[in-house]
Each structure stands twice: as structure tokens, then as C-alpha cells.
Amino acid sequence: MKYLLAFAVAWFLAVLNVSAMPYVQVLHVTPDVVLIFAACWTMVRGRDEGLIVVPIAALLRDLTTSDPLGTSLLAMAPLIPLAAVVRLRAMATDFLPTVALVAAGSFFYGVISTLVLAATGQTTPWDDAFLRVVLPAALVNSLFTPIVYLPVHWFSPGRKAWLVGSTRYTSA
């Protein structure tokens, strides 16, 4: 059931990403809500679920855009190992590590998708790609993370730290 929900949400966000989100521009960059959703799901729900949801979200994104099929799958693949690296640092909340994952994932997504487009024969000005697309996209996607993170966090099973108190152990 959870994967069916993830499929439906990813499909909705992929359609939203190509229909309405091009009108939302910050720093001349459109936020990638599908990438943000995949990163949030991976951080909040865990690596095992991320291994299934990230490819689903990536393929749905590719099916709704004009990018070659598989580009988003290659570009979102680093989300899983990046999430494992980010989780090495124990924190009382998942929000800040999720923002860090979205920023790093957006950076790698931009680099890998630019490499794929260059490999398919499209001209890619590398300086413009980094300065006008990749770096601003990492910042903008990080700023839009709370919009996607909160619903994913609210509808995830498990203890909510703000309901039951702190998750840190203290001595009595």
C-alpha cells in the first residue's frame, strides 16, 4: 500500500512538475518537486523504501519530460548512498539532514543530467550549466524542501519526537 501511495504521489508531482511548476521560478530556476519528494522519502522512510521509491519517481519524471528515458534514474541514483552518508551523523531531527540530502542530490542531479545530455550530442555550455542551473537548483530545491518534507514526515509511521518528547537518552 505504501508503494502505491508513493507511486500516486510521485505521478502527481511529476505532472505538477511539468504543468504548473515552470511558472514558479526562484533565481531563474524551477524547483524539482519530484527530486525533493524522492530525497524526503528516502530520509524519512529509510534506505530500503528509498531503493524502490527513487527509481519509481525517476522513471515517472522521465516519462513526463522530454529528457531521454533513464536520465533521471541515473541522476537520482546518488540519493541512496548520499542518504546513507548523511544518516551517519546522529541528530535529533531528520529535517536538517534531509535539506542537506536535497542540496547534494540536486547538485549531483544537475551534473549527471548535464553529462547525459552532453553524451547524447546536445551542446552544453558547462560554465552556464553550473553557475545558472546546478548551483541555483541546489539552493532552490533546499528552500522548497519543507513543503514536501512535512507531509512525508506527518504520514510516516513511527514515533513522532514532538509528540513523545526528545529521542535523546539522558542520565537520571
Protein backbone atom coordinates (compact mmCIF):
# COMPACT_ATOMS: atom_id res chain seq x y z
CA MET A 1 0.00 0.00 0.00
CA LYS A 2 2.82 2.42 0.84
CA TYR A 3 4.40 1.94 -2.59
CA LEU A 4 1.09 2.52 -4.31
CA LEU A 5 0.78 5.76 -2.35
CA ALA A 6 4.36 6.69 -3.28
CA PHE A 7 3.60 5.93 -6.95
CA ALA A 8 0.47 8.11 -6.87
CA VAL A 9 2.26 11.00 -5.15
CA ALA A 10 5.27 10.74 -7.48
CA TRP A 11 2.98 10.68 -10.53
CA PHE A 12 1.07 13.73 -9.25
CA LEU A 13 4.32 15.59 -8.55
CA ALA A 14 5.76 14.64 -11.95
CA VAL A 15 2.68 16.03 -13.69
CA LEU A 16 2.80 19.10 -11.44
CA ASN A 17 6.49 19.49 -12.25
CA VAL A 18 5.82 19.88 -15.98
CA SER A 19 2.46 21.65 -15.86
CA ALA A 20 2.42 24.25 -13.10
CA MET A 21 5.94 24.43 -11.66
CA PRO A 22 7.54 26.11 -14.72
CA TYR A 23 5.59 29.22 -13.66
CA VAL A 24 7.25 29.13 -10.23
CA GLN A 25 10.78 30.41 -10.70
CA VAL A 26 13.21 31.42 -8.00
CA LEU A 27 16.65 32.62 -9.13
CA HIS A 28 15.51 31.72 -12.67
CA VAL A 29 15.29 28.04 -11.63
CA THR A 30 12.20 25.87 -11.26
CA PRO A 31 12.11 23.68 -8.13
CA ASP A 32 12.19 19.95 -8.84
CA VAL A 33 9.47 18.59 -6.55
CA VAL A 34 9.99 15.01 -7.75
CA LEU A 35 13.63 15.04 -6.66
CA ILE A 36 12.68 16.67 -3.36
CA PHE A 37 9.99 14.01 -2.81
CA ALA A 38 12.41 11.15 -3.53
CA ALA A 39 15.02 12.60 -1.17
CA CYS A 40 12.46 13.25 1.60
CA TRP A 41 11.02 9.74 1.29
CA THR A 42 14.50 8.20 1.44
CA MET A 43 15.50 10.15 4.54
CA VAL A 44 12.23 9.83 6.45
CA ARG A 45 11.21 6.29 5.48
CA GLY A 46 14.66 4.70 5.20
CA ARG A 47 17.05 3.28 2.66
CA ASP A 48 15.06 0.12 1.92
CA GLU A 49 11.98 2.05 0.86
CA GLY A 50 14.15 4.60 -0.92
CA LEU A 51 15.58 1.83 -3.10
CA ILE A 52 12.08 1.33 -4.50
CA VAL A 53 10.63 4.84 -4.45
CA VAL A 54 13.59 6.68 -6.02
CA PRO A 55 13.53 4.63 -9.27
CA ILE A 56 9.73 4.92 -9.46
CA ALA A 57 9.87 8.70 -9.04
CA ALA A 58 12.76 9.00 -11.51
CA LEU A 59 11.03 6.99 -14.22
CA LEU A 60 7.79 8.91 -13.76
CA ARG A 61 9.74 12.15 -14.07
CA ASP A 62 11.38 10.93 -17.27
CA LEU A 63 8.03 9.91 -18.73
CA THR A 64 6.64 13.42 -18.23
CA THR A 65 9.64 15.39 -19.51
CA SER A 66 11.48 15.50 -22.82
CA ASP A 67 14.69 14.11 -21.32
CA PRO A 68 15.94 10.76 -22.60
CA LEU A 69 14.36 7.87 -20.68
CA GLY A 70 16.65 6.86 -17.83
CA THR A 71 18.30 10.25 -17.36
CA SER A 72 16.53 10.91 -14.08
CA LEU A 73 17.16 7.34 -12.97
CA LEU A 74 20.90 7.84 -13.42
CA ALA A 75 20.80 11.33 -11.94
CA MET A 76 18.76 10.34 -8.85
CA ALA A 77 20.79 7.19 -8.18
CA PRO A 78 23.24 9.02 -5.85
CA LEU A 79 20.36 9.85 -3.47
CA ILE A 80 20.54 6.41 -1.82
CA PRO A 81 24.28 6.41 -0.93
CA LEU A 82 24.12 10.12 -0.06
CA ALA A 83 21.26 9.39 2.36
CA ALA A 84 23.38 6.68 3.99
CA VAL A 85 26.27 9.12 4.40
CA VAL A 86 24.02 11.85 5.79
CA ARG A 87 22.46 9.40 8.28
CA LEU A 88 25.90 8.61 9.77
CA ARG A 89 25.63 11.77 11.82
CA ALA A 90 23.10 11.19 14.58
CA MET A 91 20.74 14.11 15.04
CA ALA A 92 17.52 14.56 16.97
CA THR A 93 15.66 15.53 13.79
CA ASP A 94 15.58 14.32 10.20
CA PHE A 95 14.86 17.76 8.75
CA LEU A 96 18.37 19.23 8.54
CA PRO A 97 19.88 16.02 7.10
CA THR A 98 17.04 15.99 4.56
CA VAL A 99 17.83 19.55 3.48
CA ALA A 100 21.50 18.55 3.13
CA LEU A 101 20.48 15.50 1.08
CA VAL A 102 18.27 17.60 -1.20
CA ALA A 103 21.09 20.10 -1.77
CA ALA A 104 23.68 17.40 -2.51
CA GLY A 105 21.22 15.35 -4.55
CA SER A 106 20.25 18.41 -6.60
CA PHE A 107 23.90 19.15 -7.29
CA PHE A 108 24.62 15.59 -8.43
CA TYR A 109 21.36 15.50 -10.39
CA GLY A 110 22.39 18.61 -12.32
CA VAL A 111 25.89 17.32 -13.01
CA ILE A 112 24.78 13.85 -14.11
CA SER A 113 21.88 15.05 -16.25
CA THR A 114 24.19 17.56 -17.95
CA LEU A 115 26.68 14.77 -18.63
CA VAL A 116 23.92 12.59 -20.09
CA LEU A 117 22.68 15.41 -22.30
CA ALA A 118 26.24 16.08 -23.46
CA ALA A 119 26.70 12.37 -24.21
CA THR A 120 23.58 12.40 -26.39
CA GLY A 121 25.11 15.10 -28.57
CA GLN A 122 23.42 18.20 -27.19
CA THR A 123 25.57 21.26 -26.71
CA THR A 124 26.04 22.10 -23.06
CA PRO A 125 27.91 25.23 -22.00
CA TRP A 126 29.49 23.93 -18.79
CA ASP A 127 30.06 27.29 -17.12
CA ASP A 128 26.44 28.34 -17.66
CA ALA A 129 25.21 24.91 -16.61
CA PHE A 130 26.96 25.13 -13.25
CA LEU A 131 26.50 28.80 -12.46
CA ARG A 132 22.97 29.29 -13.78
CA VAL A 133 21.36 25.88 -13.29
CA VAL A 134 23.15 23.42 -11.00
CA LEU A 135 24.12 25.66 -8.08
CA PRO A 136 20.88 27.71 -8.02
CA ALA A 137 18.85 24.48 -8.32
CA ALA A 138 20.59 23.07 -5.25
CA LEU A 139 19.72 26.21 -3.30
CA VAL A 140 16.13 26.50 -4.57
CA ASN A 141 15.35 22.81 -4.02
CA SER A 142 16.71 23.12 -0.47
CA LEU A 143 14.41 26.08 0.15
CA PHE A 144 11.38 24.15 -1.15
CA THR A 145 12.17 21.05 0.95
CA PRO A 146 9.82 21.90 3.88
CA ILE A 147 6.81 21.94 1.53
CA VAL A 148 7.39 18.29 0.62
CA TYR A 149 9.13 17.13 3.81
CA LEU A 150 6.31 17.94 6.21
CA PRO A 151 3.59 15.82 4.55
CA VAL A 152 6.02 12.91 4.09
CA HIS A 153 7.03 13.17 7.75
CA TRP A 154 3.46 13.51 9.03
CA PHE A 155 2.22 10.43 7.17
CA SER A 156 5.18 8.22 8.08
CA PRO A 157 4.76 5.53 10.73
CA GLY A 158 6.78 5.56 13.90
CA ARG A 159 7.26 7.72 16.95
CA LYS A 160 6.99 11.41 16.45
CA ALA A 161 9.60 13.08 18.64
CA TRP A 162 7.48 16.18 19.11
CA LEU A 163 4.62 14.00 20.43
CA VAL A 164 6.53 11.78 22.84
CA GLY A 165 9.42 14.02 23.83
CA SER A 166 13.08 14.00 22.98
CA THR A 167 14.69 10.98 21.38
CA ARG A 168 18.00 11.57 23.15
CA TYR A 169 18.98 9.47 26.14
CA THR A 170 19.81 11.27 29.34
CA SER A 171 21.04 10.02 32.68
CA ALA A 172 18.72 10.33 35.64
